[in-house]
């Protein structure tokens, strides 16, 4: 999506393009506190195996089945509930 649509200074674009699978996987497995990843199940910008790759690396990964790259439409409500659950240890989603 962002290719040819990403308006930013050259340094920001180069930094963005440097985010390879290996770089991201290394970053999320070494960052503290622990990283929680929420992906959209209909995000066509990610490889189909990315969620499983993250899980295999021990990263807490959840997938919003109907979510696209930007969690449009009703997927935004499920995303909100998951975020609230992560932020509220009681898990009430409120």
PDB file of N, CA and C in Angstrom:
ATOM      1  N   UNK A   1       0.810  -1.196   0.000  1.00  0.00           N
ATOM      2  CA  UNK A   1       0.000   0.000   0.000  1.00  0.00           C
ATOM      3  C   UNK A   1       0.854   1.262   0.000  1.00  0.00           C
ATOM      4  N   UNK A   2       1.873   1.296   0.824  1.00  0.00           N
ATOM      5  CA  UNK A   2       2.642   2.529   0.999  1.00  0.00           C
ATOM      6  C   UNK A   2       3.598   2.823  -0.148  1.00  0.00           C
ATOM      7  N   UNK A   3       3.967   1.833  -0.919  1.00  0.00           N
ATOM      8  CA  UNK A   3       4.867   2.092  -2.046  1.00  0.00           C
ATOM      9  C   UNK A   3       4.178   3.045  -3.019  1.00  0.00           C
ATOM     10  N   UNK A   4       4.901   4.073  -3.400  1.00  0.00           N
ATOM     11  CA  UNK A   4       4.414   5.138  -4.281  1.00  0.00           C
ATOM     12  C   UNK A   4       3.320   6.002  -3.658  1.00  0.00           C
ATOM     13  N   UNK A   5       2.959   5.759  -2.405  1.00  0.00           N
ATOM     14  CA  UNK A   5       1.961   6.568  -1.706  1.00  0.00           C
ATOM     15  C   UNK A   5       2.486   7.117  -0.391  1.00  0.00           C
ATOM     16  N   UNK A   6       3.722   6.846  -0.054  1.00  0.00           N
ATOM     17  CA  UNK A   6       4.290   7.182   1.244  1.00  0.00           C
ATOM     18  C   UNK A   6       5.044   8.497   1.114  1.00  0.00           C
ATOM     19  N   UNK A   7       4.469   9.583   1.613  1.00  0.00           N
ATOM     20  CA  UNK A   7       5.083  10.896   1.504  1.00  0.00           C
ATOM     21  C   UNK A   7       5.842  11.216   2.781  1.00  0.00           C
ATOM     22  N   UNK A   8       7.165  11.249   2.667  1.00  0.00           N
ATOM     23  CA  UNK A   8       8.013  11.507   3.823  1.00  0.00           C
ATOM     24  C   UNK A   8       9.405  11.856   3.329  1.00  0.00           C
ATOM     25  N   UNK A   9      10.245  12.377   4.221  1.00  0.00           N
ATOM     26  CA  UNK A   9      11.625  12.645   3.824  1.00  0.00           C
ATOM     27  C   UNK A   9      12.353  11.342   3.479  1.00  0.00           C
ATOM     28  N   UNK A  10      13.379  11.418   2.649  1.00  0.00           N
ATOM     29  CA  UNK A  10      14.097  10.201   2.232  1.00  0.00           C
ATOM     30  C   UNK A  10      14.566   9.322   3.392  1.00  0.00           C
ATOM     31  N   UNK A  11      15.017   9.908   4.486  1.00  0.00           N
ATOM     32  CA  UNK A  11      15.506   9.093   5.611  1.00  0.00           C
ATOM     33  C   UNK A  11      14.392   8.234   6.205  1.00  0.00           C
ATOM     34  N   UNK A  12      13.177   8.779   6.273  1.00  0.00           N
ATOM     35  CA  UNK A  12      12.047   8.013   6.814  1.00  0.00           C
ATOM     36  C   UNK A  12      11.648   6.879   5.880  1.00  0.00           C
ATOM     37  N   UNK A  13      11.680   7.141   4.585  1.00  0.00           N
ATOM     38  CA  UNK A  13      11.336   6.102   3.616  1.00  0.00           C
ATOM     39  C   UNK A  13      12.361   4.978   3.666  1.00  0.00           C
ATOM     40  N   UNK A  14      13.627   5.320   3.727  1.00  0.00           N
ATOM     41  CA  UNK A  14      14.666   4.293   3.780  1.00  0.00           C
ATOM     42  C   UNK A  14      14.558   3.469   5.056  1.00  0.00           C
ATOM     43  N   UNK A  15      14.226   4.114   6.170  1.00  0.00           N
ATOM     44  CA  UNK A  15      14.052   3.379   7.422  1.00  0.00           C
ATOM     45  C   UNK A  15      12.872   2.419   7.316  1.00  0.00           C
ATOM     46  N   UNK A  16      11.792   2.876   6.715  1.00  0.00           N
ATOM     47  CA  UNK A  16      10.590   2.047   6.553  1.00  0.00           C
ATOM     48  C   UNK A  16      10.888   0.840   5.658  1.00  0.00           C
ATOM     49  N   UNK A  17      11.583   1.056   4.560  1.00  0.00           N
ATOM     50  CA  UNK A  17      11.865  -0.028   3.622  1.00  0.00           C
ATOM     51  C   UNK A  17      12.853  -1.045   4.197  1.00  0.00           C
ATOM     52  N   UNK A  18      13.581  -0.669   5.222  1.00  0.00           N
ATOM     53  CA  UNK A  18      14.551  -1.570   5.843  1.00  0.00           C
ATOM     54  C   UNK A  18      13.930  -2.592   6.782  1.00  0.00           C
ATOM     55  N   UNK A  19      12.636  -2.514   6.989  1.00  0.00           N
ATOM     56  CA  UNK A  19      11.954  -3.424   7.905  1.00  0.00           C
ATOM     57  C   UNK A  19      11.706  -4.758   7.215  1.00  0.00           C
ATOM     58  N   UNK A  20      12.690  -5.624   7.230  1.00  0.00           N
ATOM     59  CA  UNK A  20      12.549  -6.955   6.648  1.00  0.00           C
ATOM     60  C   UNK A  20      11.903  -7.892   7.668  1.00  0.00           C
ATOM     61  N   UNK A  21      11.472  -9.054   7.208  1.00  0.00           N
ATOM     62  CA  UNK A  21      10.914 -10.059   8.130  1.00  0.00           C
ATOM     63  C   UNK A  21      11.909 -10.386   9.235  1.00  0.00           C
ATOM     64  N   UNK A  22      13.174 -10.570   8.854  1.00  0.00           N
ATOM     65  CA  UNK A  22      14.206 -10.912   9.836  1.00  0.00           C
ATOM     66  C   UNK A  22      14.388  -9.795  10.851  1.00  0.00           C
ATOM     67  N   UNK A  23      14.430  -8.558  10.366  1.00  0.00           N
ATOM     68  CA  UNK A  23      14.627  -7.410  11.260  1.00  0.00           C
ATOM     69  C   UNK A  23      13.464  -7.302  12.244  1.00  0.00           C
ATOM     70  N   UNK A  24      12.224  -7.419  11.751  1.00  0.00           N
ATOM     71  CA  UNK A  24      11.045  -7.305  12.615  1.00  0.00           C
ATOM     72  C   UNK A  24      11.011  -8.453  13.614  1.00  0.00           C
ATOM     73  N   UNK A  25      11.265  -9.664  13.161  1.00  0.00           N
ATOM     74  CA  UNK A  25      11.244 -10.819  14.054  1.00  0.00           C
ATOM     75  C   UNK A  25      12.282 -10.667  15.162  1.00  0.00           C
ATOM     76  N   UNK A  26      13.457 -10.214  14.818  1.00  0.00           N
ATOM     77  CA  UNK A  26      14.499  -9.977  15.823  1.00  0.00           C
ATOM     78  C   UNK A  26      14.055  -8.899  16.809  1.00  0.00           C
ATOM     79  N   UNK A  27      13.464  -7.840  16.294  1.00  0.00           N
ATOM     80  CA  UNK A  27      13.023  -6.739  17.156  1.00  0.00           C
ATOM     81  C   UNK A  27      11.944  -7.178  18.136  1.00  0.00           C
ATOM     82  N   UNK A  28      10.940  -7.905  17.672  1.00  0.00           N
ATOM     83  CA  UNK A  28       9.836  -8.278  18.559  1.00  0.00           C
ATOM     84  C   UNK A  28      10.211  -9.389  19.532  1.00  0.00           C
ATOM     85  N   UNK A  29      11.222 -10.176  19.222  1.00  0.00           N
ATOM     86  CA  UNK A  29      11.620 -11.231  20.153  1.00  0.00           C
ATOM     87  C   UNK A  29      12.610 -10.742  21.198  1.00  0.00           C
ATOM     88  N   UNK A  30      13.216  -9.581  21.004  1.00  0.00           N
ATOM     89  CA  UNK A  30      14.208  -9.076  21.962  1.00  0.00           C
ATOM     90  C   UNK A  30      13.721  -7.851  22.730  1.00  0.00           C
ATOM     91  N   UNK A  31      12.574  -7.314  22.366  1.00  0.00           N
ATOM     92  CA  UNK A  31      12.049  -6.117  23.021  1.00  0.00           C
ATOM     93  C   UNK A  31      11.435  -6.476  24.364  1.00  0.00           C
ATOM     94  N   UNK A  32      11.685  -5.628  25.337  1.00  0.00           N
ATOM     95  CA  UNK A  32      11.063  -5.777  26.656  1.00  0.00           C
ATOM     96  C   UNK A  32      10.424  -4.465  27.022  1.00  0.00           C
ATOM     97  N   UNK A  33       9.231  -4.434  27.583  1.00  0.00           N
ATOM     98  CA  UNK A  33       8.439  -5.607  27.933  1.00  0.00           C
ATOM     99  C   UNK A  33       7.989  -6.370  26.694  1.00  0.00           C
ATOM    100  N   UNK A  34       7.393  -7.504  26.929  1.00  0.00           N
ATOM    101  CA  UNK A  34       6.985  -8.394  25.840  1.00  0.00           C
ATOM    102  C   UNK A  34       6.077  -7.688  24.842  1.00  0.00           C
ATOM    103  N   UNK A  35       6.161  -8.112  23.609  1.00  0.00           N
ATOM    104  CA  UNK A  35       5.362  -7.552  22.528  1.00  0.00           C
ATOM    105  C   UNK A  35       4.136  -8.429  22.303  1.00  0.00           C
ATOM    106  N   UNK A  36       3.009  -7.794  22.062  1.00  0.00           N
ATOM    107  CA  UNK A  36       1.776  -8.472  21.676  1.00  0.00           C
ATOM    108  C   UNK A  36       1.446  -7.986  20.274  1.00  0.00           C
ATOM    109  N   UNK A  37       1.164  -8.896  19.365  1.00  0.00           N
ATOM    110  CA  UNK A  37       0.897  -8.530  17.976  1.00  0.00           C
ATOM    111  C   UNK A  37      -0.550  -8.867  17.630  1.00  0.00           C
ATOM    112  N   UNK A  38      -1.215  -7.907  16.997  1.00  0.00           N
ATOM    113  CA  UNK A  38      -2.564  -8.118  16.489  1.00  0.00           C
ATOM    114  C   UNK A  38      -2.514  -7.863  14.991  1.00  0.00           C
ATOM    115  N   UNK A  39      -2.891  -8.862  14.210  1.00  0.00           N
ATOM    116  CA  UNK A  39      -2.861  -8.769  12.755  1.00  0.00           C
ATOM    117  C   UNK A  39      -4.265  -8.884  12.189  1.00  0.00           C
ATOM    118  N   UNK A  40      -4.450  -8.319  11.008  1.00  0.00           N
ATOM    119  CA  UNK A  40      -5.707  -8.472  10.287  1.00  0.00           C
ATOM    120  C   UNK A  40      -5.648  -9.708   9.414  1.00  0.00           C
ATOM    121  N   UNK A  41      -6.626 -10.558   9.523  1.00  0.00           N
ATOM    122  CA  UNK A  41      -6.665 -11.793   8.747  1.00  0.00           C
ATOM    123  C   UNK A  41      -6.786 -11.568   7.243  1.00  0.00           C
ATOM    124  N   UNK A  42      -7.256 -10.390   6.856  1.00  0.00           N
ATOM    125  CA  UNK A  42      -7.386 -10.068   5.429  1.00  0.00           C
ATOM    126  C   UNK A  42      -6.359  -9.032   4.983  1.00  0.00           C
ATOM    127  N   UNK A  43      -5.277  -8.901   5.752  1.00  0.00           N
ATOM    128  CA  UNK A  43      -4.212  -7.954   5.398  1.00  0.00           C
ATOM    129  C   UNK A  43      -3.365  -8.566   4.296  1.00  0.00           C
ATOM    130  N   UNK A  44      -3.511  -8.053   3.092  1.00  0.00           N
ATOM    131  CA  UNK A  44      -2.769  -8.612   1.961  1.00  0.00           C
ATOM    132  C   UNK A  44      -1.361  -8.031   1.838  1.00  0.00           C
ATOM    133  N   UNK A  45      -0.942  -7.241   2.834  1.00  0.00           N
ATOM    134  CA  UNK A  45       0.412  -6.691   2.837  1.00  0.00           C
ATOM    135  C   UNK A  45       1.396  -7.604   3.571  1.00  0.00           C
ATOM    136  N   UNK A  46       0.880  -8.625   4.224  1.00  0.00           N
ATOM    137  CA  UNK A  46       1.723  -9.546   4.991  1.00  0.00           C
ATOM    138  C   UNK A  46       1.713 -10.927   4.350  1.00  0.00           C
ATOM    139  N   UNK A  47       2.803 -11.647   4.524  1.00  0.00           N
ATOM    140  CA  UNK A  47       2.868 -13.018   4.035  1.00  0.00           C
ATOM    141  C   UNK A  47       1.858 -13.877   4.803  1.00  0.00           C
ATOM    142  N   UNK A  48       1.241 -14.838   4.141  1.00  0.00           N
ATOM    143  CA  UNK A  48       0.231 -15.680   4.796  1.00  0.00           C
ATOM    144  C   UNK A  48       0.744 -16.409   6.046  1.00  0.00           C
ATOM    145  N   UNK A  49       2.031 -16.681   6.111  1.00  0.00           N
ATOM    146  CA  UNK A  49       2.585 -17.429   7.241  1.00  0.00           C
ATOM    147  C   UNK A  49       3.118 -16.539   8.367  1.00  0.00           C
ATOM    148  N   UNK A  50       2.943 -15.219   8.261  1.00  0.00           N
ATOM    149  CA  UNK A  50       3.565 -14.307   9.230  1.00  0.00           C
ATOM    150  C   UNK A  50       3.039 -14.522  10.647  1.00  0.00           C
ATOM    151  N   UNK A  51       1.737 -14.693  10.824  1.00  0.00           N
ATOM    152  CA  UNK A  51       1.188 -14.906  12.167  1.00  0.00           C
ATOM    153  C   UNK A  51       1.779 -16.167  12.797  1.00  0.00           C
ATOM    154  N   UNK A  52       1.868 -17.235  12.031  1.00  0.00           N
ATOM    155  CA  UNK A  52       2.430 -18.479  12.572  1.00  0.00           C
ATOM    156  C   UNK A  52       3.924 -18.329  12.854  1.00  0.00           C
ATOM    157  N   UNK A  53       4.627 -17.592  12.019  1.00  0.00           N
ATOM    158  CA  UNK A  53       6.055 -17.333  12.255  1.00  0.00           C
ATOM    159  C   UNK A  53       6.250 -16.620  13.585  1.00  0.00           C
ATOM    160  N   UNK A  54       5.414 -15.620  13.851  1.00  0.00           N
ATOM    161  CA  UNK A  54       5.497 -14.897  15.123  1.00  0.00           C
ATOM    162  C   UNK A  54       5.174 -15.821  16.290  1.00  0.00           C
ATOM    163  N   UNK A  55       4.126 -16.617  16.153  1.00  0.00           N
ATOM    164  CA  UNK A  55       3.763 -17.552  17.230  1.00  0.00           C
ATOM    165  C   UNK A  55       4.885 -18.544  17.494  1.00  0.00           C
ATOM    166  N   UNK A  56       5.476 -19.076  16.413  1.00  0.00           N
ATOM    167  CA  UNK A  56       6.573 -20.039  16.558  1.00  0.00           C
ATOM    168  C   UNK A  56       7.766 -19.423  17.281  1.00  0.00           C
ATOM    169  N   UNK A  57       7.912 -18.098  17.184  1.00  0.00           N
ATOM    170  CA  UNK A  57       9.008 -17.396  17.865  1.00  0.00           C
ATOM    171  C   UNK A  57       8.633 -17.023  19.299  1.00  0.00           C
ATOM    172  N   UNK A  58       7.427 -17.424  19.733  1.00  0.00           N
ATOM    173  CA  UNK A  58       7.008 -17.160  21.103  1.00  0.00           C
ATOM    174  C   UNK A  58       6.323 -15.824  21.309  1.00  0.00           C
ATOM    175  N   UNK A  59       5.920 -15.168  20.233  1.00  0.00           N
ATOM    176  CA  UNK A  59       5.248 -13.878  20.331  1.00  0.00           C
ATOM    177  C   UNK A  59       3.743 -14.088  20.446  1.00  0.00           C
ATOM    178  N   UNK A  60       3.129 -13.447  21.439  1.00  0.00           N
ATOM    179  CA  UNK A  60       1.674 -13.504  21.591  1.00  0.00           C
ATOM    180  C   UNK A  60       1.059 -12.818  20.374  1.00  0.00           C
ATOM    181  N   UNK A  61       0.401 -13.588  19.517  1.00  0.00           N
ATOM    182  CA  UNK A  61      -0.127 -13.082  18.256  1.00  0.00           C
ATOM    183  C   UNK A  61      -1.598 -13.436  18.125  1.00  0.00           C
ATOM    184  N   UNK A  62      -2.408 -12.417  17.876  1.00  0.00           N
ATOM    185  CA  UNK A  62      -3.836 -12.619  17.667  1.00  0.00           C
ATOM    186  C   UNK A  62      -4.198 -12.102  16.282  1.00  0.00           C
ATOM    187  N   UNK A  63      -5.174 -12.736  15.665  1.00  0.00           N
ATOM    188  CA  UNK A  63      -5.605 -12.348  14.330  1.00  0.00           C
ATOM    189  C   UNK A  63      -7.086 -11.988  14.360  1.00  0.00           C
ATOM    190  N   UNK A  64      -7.388 -10.796  13.866  1.00  0.00           N
ATOM    191  CA  UNK A  64      -8.770 -10.365  13.685  1.00  0.00           C
ATOM    192  C   UNK A  64      -9.163 -10.839  12.291  1.00  0.00           C
ATOM    193  N   UNK A  65      -9.996 -11.862  12.222  1.00  0.00           N
ATOM    194  CA  UNK A  65     -10.281 -12.550  10.956  1.00  0.00           C
ATOM    195  C   UNK A  65     -10.695 -11.604   9.837  1.00  0.00           C
ATOM    196  N   UNK A  66     -11.550 -10.660  10.106  1.00  0.00           N
ATOM    197  CA  UNK A  66     -12.062  -9.768   9.065  1.00  0.00           C
ATOM    198  C   UNK A  66     -11.234  -8.492   8.905  1.00  0.00           C
ATOM    199  N   UNK A  67     -10.145  -8.370   9.661  1.00  0.00           N
ATOM    200  CA  UNK A  67      -9.347  -7.154   9.622  1.00  0.00           C
ATOM    201  C   UNK A  67      -8.463  -7.061   8.392  1.00  0.00           C
ATOM    202  N   UNK A  68      -8.478  -5.883   7.761  1.00  0.00           N
ATOM    203  CA  UNK A  68      -7.549  -5.633   6.669  1.00  0.00           C
ATOM    204  C   UNK A  68      -6.337  -4.885   7.235  1.00  0.00           C
ATOM    205  N   UNK A  69      -5.537  -4.286   6.379  1.00  0.00           N
ATOM    206  CA  UNK A  69      -4.314  -3.618   6.828  1.00  0.00           C
ATOM    207  C   UNK A  69      -4.599  -2.487   7.823  1.00  0.00           C
ATOM    208  N   UNK A  70      -5.757  -1.848   7.683  1.00  0.00           N
ATOM    209  CA  UNK A  70      -6.103  -0.721   8.545  1.00  0.00           C
ATOM    210  C   UNK A  70      -7.253  -1.036   9.501  1.00  0.00           C
ATOM    211  N   UNK A  71      -7.670  -2.290   9.595  1.00  0.00           N
ATOM    212  CA  UNK A  71      -8.764  -2.714  10.471  1.00  0.00           C
ATOM    213  C   UNK A  71     -10.012  -1.874  10.202  1.00  0.00           C
ATOM    214  N   UNK A  72     -10.383  -1.775   8.944  1.00  0.00           N
ATOM    215  CA  UNK A  72     -11.537  -0.973   8.526  1.00  0.00           C
ATOM    216  C   UNK A  72     -12.851  -1.627   8.946  1.00  0.00           C
ATOM    217  N   UNK A  73     -13.874  -0.825   8.905  1.00  0.00           N
ATOM    218  CA  UNK A  73     -15.252  -1.254   9.149  1.00  0.00           C
ATOM    219  C   UNK A  73     -15.401  -1.929  10.512  1.00  0.00           C
ATOM    220  N   UNK A  74     -16.127  -3.029  10.573  1.00  0.00           N
ATOM    221  CA  UNK A  74     -16.439  -3.651  11.866  1.00  0.00           C
ATOM    222  C   UNK A  74     -15.230  -4.304  12.517  1.00  0.00           C
ATOM    223  N   UNK A  75     -14.165  -4.561  11.768  1.00  0.00           N
ATOM    224  CA  UNK A  75     -12.953  -5.140  12.367  1.00  0.00           C
ATOM    225  C   UNK A  75     -12.366  -4.205  13.415  1.00  0.00           C
ATOM    226  N   UNK A  76     -12.634  -2.919  13.281  1.00  0.00           N
ATOM    227  CA  UNK A  76     -12.098  -1.961  14.253  1.00  0.00           C
ATOM    228  C   UNK A  76     -12.660  -2.211  15.654  1.00  0.00           C
ATOM    229  N   UNK A  77     -13.895  -2.713  15.743  1.00  0.00           N
ATOM    230  CA  UNK A  77     -14.481  -2.983  17.053  1.00  0.00           C
ATOM    231  C   UNK A  77     -13.796  -4.172  17.726  1.00  0.00           C
ATOM    232  N   UNK A  78     -13.504  -5.219  16.945  1.00  0.00           N
ATOM    233  CA  UNK A  78     -12.788  -6.364  17.515  1.00  0.00           C
ATOM    234  C   UNK A  78     -11.381  -5.949  17.926  1.00  0.00           C
ATOM    235  N   UNK A  79     -10.731  -5.138  17.083  1.00  0.00           N
ATOM    236  CA  UNK A  79      -9.405  -4.625  17.432  1.00  0.00           C
ATOM    237  C   UNK A  79      -9.460  -3.849  18.741  1.00  0.00           C
ATOM    238  N   UNK A  80     -10.440  -2.997  18.884  1.00  0.00           N
ATOM    239  CA  UNK A  80     -10.575  -2.217  20.110  1.00  0.00           C
ATOM    240  C   UNK A  80     -10.738  -3.129  21.326  1.00  0.00           C
ATOM    241  N   UNK A  81     -11.575  -4.151  21.207  1.00  0.00           N
ATOM    242  CA  UNK A  81     -11.764  -5.082  22.318  1.00  0.00           C
ATOM    243  C   UNK A  81     -10.482  -5.794  22.704  1.00  0.00           C
ATOM    244  N   UNK A  82      -9.714  -6.231  21.702  1.00  0.00           N
ATOM    245  CA  UNK A  82      -8.442  -6.899  21.981  1.00  0.00           C
ATOM    246  C   UNK A  82      -7.456  -5.951  22.663  1.00  0.00           C
ATOM    247  N   UNK A  83      -7.402  -4.714  22.190  1.00  0.00           N
ATOM    248  CA  UNK A  83      -6.505  -3.729  22.801  1.00  0.00           C
ATOM    249  C   UNK A  83      -6.902  -3.435  24.245  1.00  0.00           C
ATOM    250  N   UNK A  84      -8.193  -3.286  24.481  1.00  0.00           N
ATOM    251  CA  UNK A  84      -8.646  -3.043  25.844  1.00  0.00           C
ATOM    252  C   UNK A  84      -8.322  -4.222  26.753  1.00  0.00           C
ATOM    253  N   UNK A  85      -8.478  -5.436  26.248  1.00  0.00           N
ATOM    254  CA  UNK A  85      -8.127  -6.620  27.041  1.00  0.00           C
ATOM    255  C   UNK A  85      -6.644  -6.638  27.379  1.00  0.00           C
ATOM    256  N   UNK A  86      -5.800  -6.245  26.422  1.00  0.00           N
ATOM    257  CA  UNK A  86      -4.360  -6.210  26.684  1.00  0.00           C
ATOM    258  C   UNK A  86      -4.006  -5.144  27.717  1.00  0.00           C
ATOM    259  N   UNK A  87      -4.710  -4.033  27.669  1.00  0.00           N
ATOM    260  CA  UNK A  87      -4.420  -2.931  28.586  1.00  0.00           C
ATOM    261  C   UNK A  87      -5.054  -3.111  29.955  1.00  0.00           C
ATOM    262  N   UNK A  88      -6.077  -3.951  30.023  1.00  0.00           N
ATOM    263  CA  UNK A  88      -6.787  -4.192  31.276  1.00  0.00           C
ATOM    264  C   UNK A  88      -6.601  -5.652  31.670  1.00  0.00           C
ATOM    265  N   UNK A  89      -5.738  -5.926  32.619  1.00  0.00           N
ATOM    266  CA  UNK A  89      -5.431  -7.326  32.970  1.00  0.00           C
ATOM    267  C   UNK A  89      -6.627  -8.150  33.435  1.00  0.00           C
ATOM    268  N   UNK A  90      -7.729  -7.514  33.792  1.00  0.00           N
ATOM    269  CA  UNK A  90      -8.902  -8.289  34.200  1.00  0.00           C
ATOM    270  C   UNK A  90      -9.603  -8.879  32.995  1.00  0.00           C
ATOM    271  N   UNK A  91      -9.271  -8.381  31.791  1.00  0.00           N
ATOM    272  CA  UNK A  91      -9.804  -8.958  30.564  1.00  0.00           C
ATOM    273  C   UNK A  91     -11.271  -8.700  30.327  1.00  0.00           C
ATOM    274  N   UNK A  92     -11.793  -7.582  30.816  1.00  0.00           N
ATOM    275  CA  UNK A  92     -13.215  -7.316  30.634  1.00  0.00           C
ATOM    276  C   UNK A  92     -13.519  -6.667  29.291  1.00  0.00           C
ATOM    277  N   UNK A  93     -12.500  -6.147  28.587  1.00  0.00           N
ATOM    278  CA  UNK A  93     -12.723  -5.499  27.297  1.00  0.00           C
ATOM    279  C   UNK A  93     -13.396  -4.161  27.423  1.00  0.00           C
ATOM    280  N   UNK A  94     -13.352  -3.574  28.633  1.00  0.00           N
ATOM    281  CA  UNK A  94     -14.000  -2.275  28.849  1.00  0.00           C
ATOM    282  C   UNK A  94     -13.041  -1.315  29.501  1.00  0.00           C
TER     283      UNK A  94
END
